[in-house]
C-alpha atoms as a PDB file:
ATOM      1  CA  UNK A   1       4.582   1.367  -3.087  1.00  0.00           C
ATOM      2  CA  UNK A   2       4.312   3.686  -6.066  1.00  0.00           C
ATOM      3  CA  UNK A   3       6.014   0.990  -8.106  1.00  0.00           C
ATOM      4  CA  UNK A   4       2.775  -1.011  -8.012  1.00  0.00           C
ATOM      5  CA  UNK A   5       1.083   1.483 -10.315  1.00  0.00           C
ATOM      6  CA  UNK A   6       3.958   1.250 -12.776  1.00  0.00           C
ATOM      7  CA  UNK A   7       3.703  -2.550 -12.537  1.00  0.00           C
ATOM      8  CA  UNK A   8       0.027  -2.406 -13.538  1.00  0.00           C
ATOM      9  CA  UNK A   9       0.870  -0.248 -16.551  1.00  0.00           C
ATOM     10  CA  UNK A  10       3.587  -2.696 -17.637  1.00  0.00           C
ATOM     11  CA  UNK A  11       1.158  -5.620 -17.270  1.00  0.00           C
ATOM     12  CA  UNK A  12      -1.179  -3.703 -19.590  1.00  0.00           C
ATOM     13  CA  UNK A  13       1.445  -3.360 -22.328  1.00  0.00           C
ATOM     14  CA  UNK A  14       2.940   0.049 -21.567  1.00  0.00           C
ATOM     15  CA  UNK A  15       6.730  -0.067 -21.360  1.00  0.00           C
ATOM     16  CA  UNK A  16       9.650   2.238 -20.539  1.00  0.00           C
ATOM     17  CA  UNK A  17       7.861   3.812 -17.632  1.00  0.00           C
ATOM     18  CA  UNK A  18       8.492   6.605 -15.237  1.00  0.00           C
ATOM     19  CA  UNK A  19       6.003   8.560 -13.202  1.00  0.00           C
ATOM     20  CA  UNK A  20       5.835  11.884 -11.433  1.00  0.00           C
ATOM     21  CA  UNK A  21       4.123  11.741  -8.065  1.00  0.00           C
ATOM     22  CA  UNK A  22       2.914  15.173  -7.039  1.00  0.00           C
ATOM     23  CA  UNK A  23       2.271  16.295  -3.468  1.00  0.00           C
ATOM     24  CA  UNK A  24       0.437  19.617  -3.978  1.00  0.00           C
ATOM     25  CA  UNK A  25       0.147  20.546  -0.301  1.00  0.00           C
ATOM     26  CA  UNK A  26       3.890  20.058   0.151  1.00  0.00           C
ATOM     27  CA  UNK A  27       4.685  21.603  -3.232  1.00  0.00           C
ATOM     28  CA  UNK A  28       6.929  18.649  -4.006  1.00  0.00           C
ATOM     29  CA  UNK A  29       7.337  16.150  -6.805  1.00  0.00           C
ATOM     30  CA  UNK A  30       8.897  12.713  -6.782  1.00  0.00           C
ATOM     31  CA  UNK A  31      10.018  10.946  -9.942  1.00  0.00           C
ATOM     32  CA  UNK A  32       9.608   7.167  -9.916  1.00  0.00           C
ATOM     33  CA  UNK A  33      11.576   5.107 -12.416  1.00  0.00           C
ATOM     34  CA  UNK A  34      10.829   1.468 -13.206  1.00  0.00           C
ATOM     35  CA  UNK A  35      13.719  -0.917 -12.630  1.00  0.00           C
ATOM     36  CA  UNK A  36      13.744  -4.616 -13.515  1.00  0.00           C
ATOM     37  CA  UNK A  37      14.409  -5.387  -9.825  1.00  0.00           C
ATOM     38  CA  UNK A  38      11.065  -3.747  -9.074  1.00  0.00           C
ATOM     39  CA  UNK A  39       9.301  -6.644 -10.804  1.00  0.00           C
ATOM     40  CA  UNK A  40      10.363  -9.112  -8.095  1.00  0.00           C
ATOM     41  CA  UNK A  41       9.556  -6.631  -5.335  1.00  0.00           C
ATOM     42  CA  UNK A  42       6.041  -5.925  -6.578  1.00  0.00           C
ATOM     43  CA  UNK A  43       5.298  -9.579  -7.257  1.00  0.00           C
ATOM     44  CA  UNK A  44       6.466 -10.296  -3.694  1.00  0.00           C
ATOM     45  CA  UNK A  45       3.940  -7.727  -2.409  1.00  0.00           C
ATOM     46  CA  UNK A  46       1.202  -9.363  -4.450  1.00  0.00           C
ATOM     47  CA  UNK A  47       2.119 -12.834  -3.150  1.00  0.00           C
ATOM     48  CA  UNK A  48       2.063 -11.546   0.436  1.00  0.00           C
ATOM     49  CA  UNK A  49      -1.334  -9.897  -0.103  1.00  0.00           C
ATOM     50  CA  UNK A  50      -2.738 -13.128  -1.547  1.00  0.00           C
ATOM     51  CA  UNK A  51      -1.368 -15.055   1.436  1.00  0.00           C
ATOM     52  CA  UNK A  52      -3.150 -12.700   3.845  1.00  0.00           C
ATOM     53  CA  UNK A  53      -6.379 -12.858   1.836  1.00  0.00           C
ATOM     54  CA  UNK A  54      -6.439 -16.654   1.931  1.00  0.00           C
ATOM     55  CA  UNK A  55      -5.754 -16.979   5.668  1.00  0.00           C
ATOM     56  CA  UNK A  56      -8.616 -18.314   7.734  1.00  0.00           C
ATOM     57  CA  UNK A  57      -8.101 -15.588  10.378  1.00  0.00           C
ATOM     58  CA  UNK A  58      -7.316 -11.901  10.113  1.00  0.00           C
ATOM     59  CA  UNK A  59      -3.738 -10.903  10.907  1.00  0.00           C
ATOM     60  CA  UNK A  60      -3.097  -9.398  14.315  1.00  0.00           C
ATOM     61  CA  UNK A  61      -3.959  -5.732  14.576  1.00  0.00           C
ATOM     62  CA  UNK A  62      -0.939  -3.436  14.560  1.00  0.00           C
ATOM     63  CA  UNK A  63      -1.687  -0.341  16.612  1.00  0.00           C
ATOM     64  CA  UNK A  64       0.241   2.715  15.444  1.00  0.00           C
ATOM     65  CA  UNK A  65      -0.444   6.410  16.122  1.00  0.00           C
ATOM     66  CA  UNK A  66      -0.682   7.108  12.385  1.00  0.00           C
ATOM     67  CA  UNK A  67      -3.700   4.766  12.177  1.00  0.00           C
ATOM     68  CA  UNK A  68      -5.960   7.445  13.651  1.00  0.00           C
ATOM     69  CA  UNK A  69      -5.514   9.532  10.484  1.00  0.00           C
ATOM     70  CA  UNK A  70      -5.864   6.661   8.011  1.00  0.00           C
ATOM     71  CA  UNK A  71      -8.797   6.350   5.612  1.00  0.00           C
ATOM     72  CA  UNK A  72      -9.118   2.671   6.543  1.00  0.00           C
ATOM     73  CA  UNK A  73      -9.247   3.296  10.314  1.00  0.00           C
ATOM     74  CA  UNK A  74     -12.902   2.263  10.692  1.00  0.00           C
ATOM     75  CA  UNK A  75     -12.303  -0.871   8.637  1.00  0.00           C
ATOM     76  CA  UNK A  76      -9.352  -2.060  10.750  1.00  0.00           C
ATOM     77  CA  UNK A  77     -10.858  -1.185  14.105  1.00  0.00           C
ATOM     78  CA  UNK A  78     -14.459  -2.238  13.391  1.00  0.00           C
ATOM     79  CA  UNK A  79     -14.467  -4.919  16.098  1.00  0.00           C
ATOM     80  CA  UNK A  80     -12.242  -3.106  18.599  1.00  0.00           C
ATOM     81  CA  UNK A  81     -13.817  -1.636  21.707  1.00  0.00           C
ATOM     82  CA  UNK A  82     -13.261   1.969  22.762  1.00  0.00           C
ATOM     83  CA  UNK A  83     -11.667   0.715  25.994  1.00  0.00           C
ATOM     84  CA  UNK A  84      -8.448  -0.204  24.186  1.00  0.00           C
ATOM     85  CA  UNK A  85      -7.226   3.392  24.175  1.00  0.00           C
ATOM     86  CA  UNK A  86      -7.712   4.061  20.476  1.00  0.00           C
ATOM     87  CA  UNK A  87     -10.378   6.577  19.591  1.00  0.00           C
END
C-alpha cells in the first residue's frame, strides 16, 4: 500500500523514487523502492476503488477483529446494531 504514495509522486513529476517508512513505536524502518511493476499494481487498486465507488450498493461488511482498532470503525459500522456482537 505504501507504493500508492510513490505513485502519486511519480504522477506529479518526481522520478527515481524510494521512501523510508518509519515506525517510531517499533523503532523500525522500512525502505520502499519503486518498481515498474508497481505501476500496474497501483493502477489496479485505483480501478478497484473506482468500481466500488460507482456501485449502487455498498459492498458487504467484512467483520474482522482488527476493525475494532481502526480509525474508520465508526464509518463502516454506522448502520450496524450493537446486537451483532461488535462493540
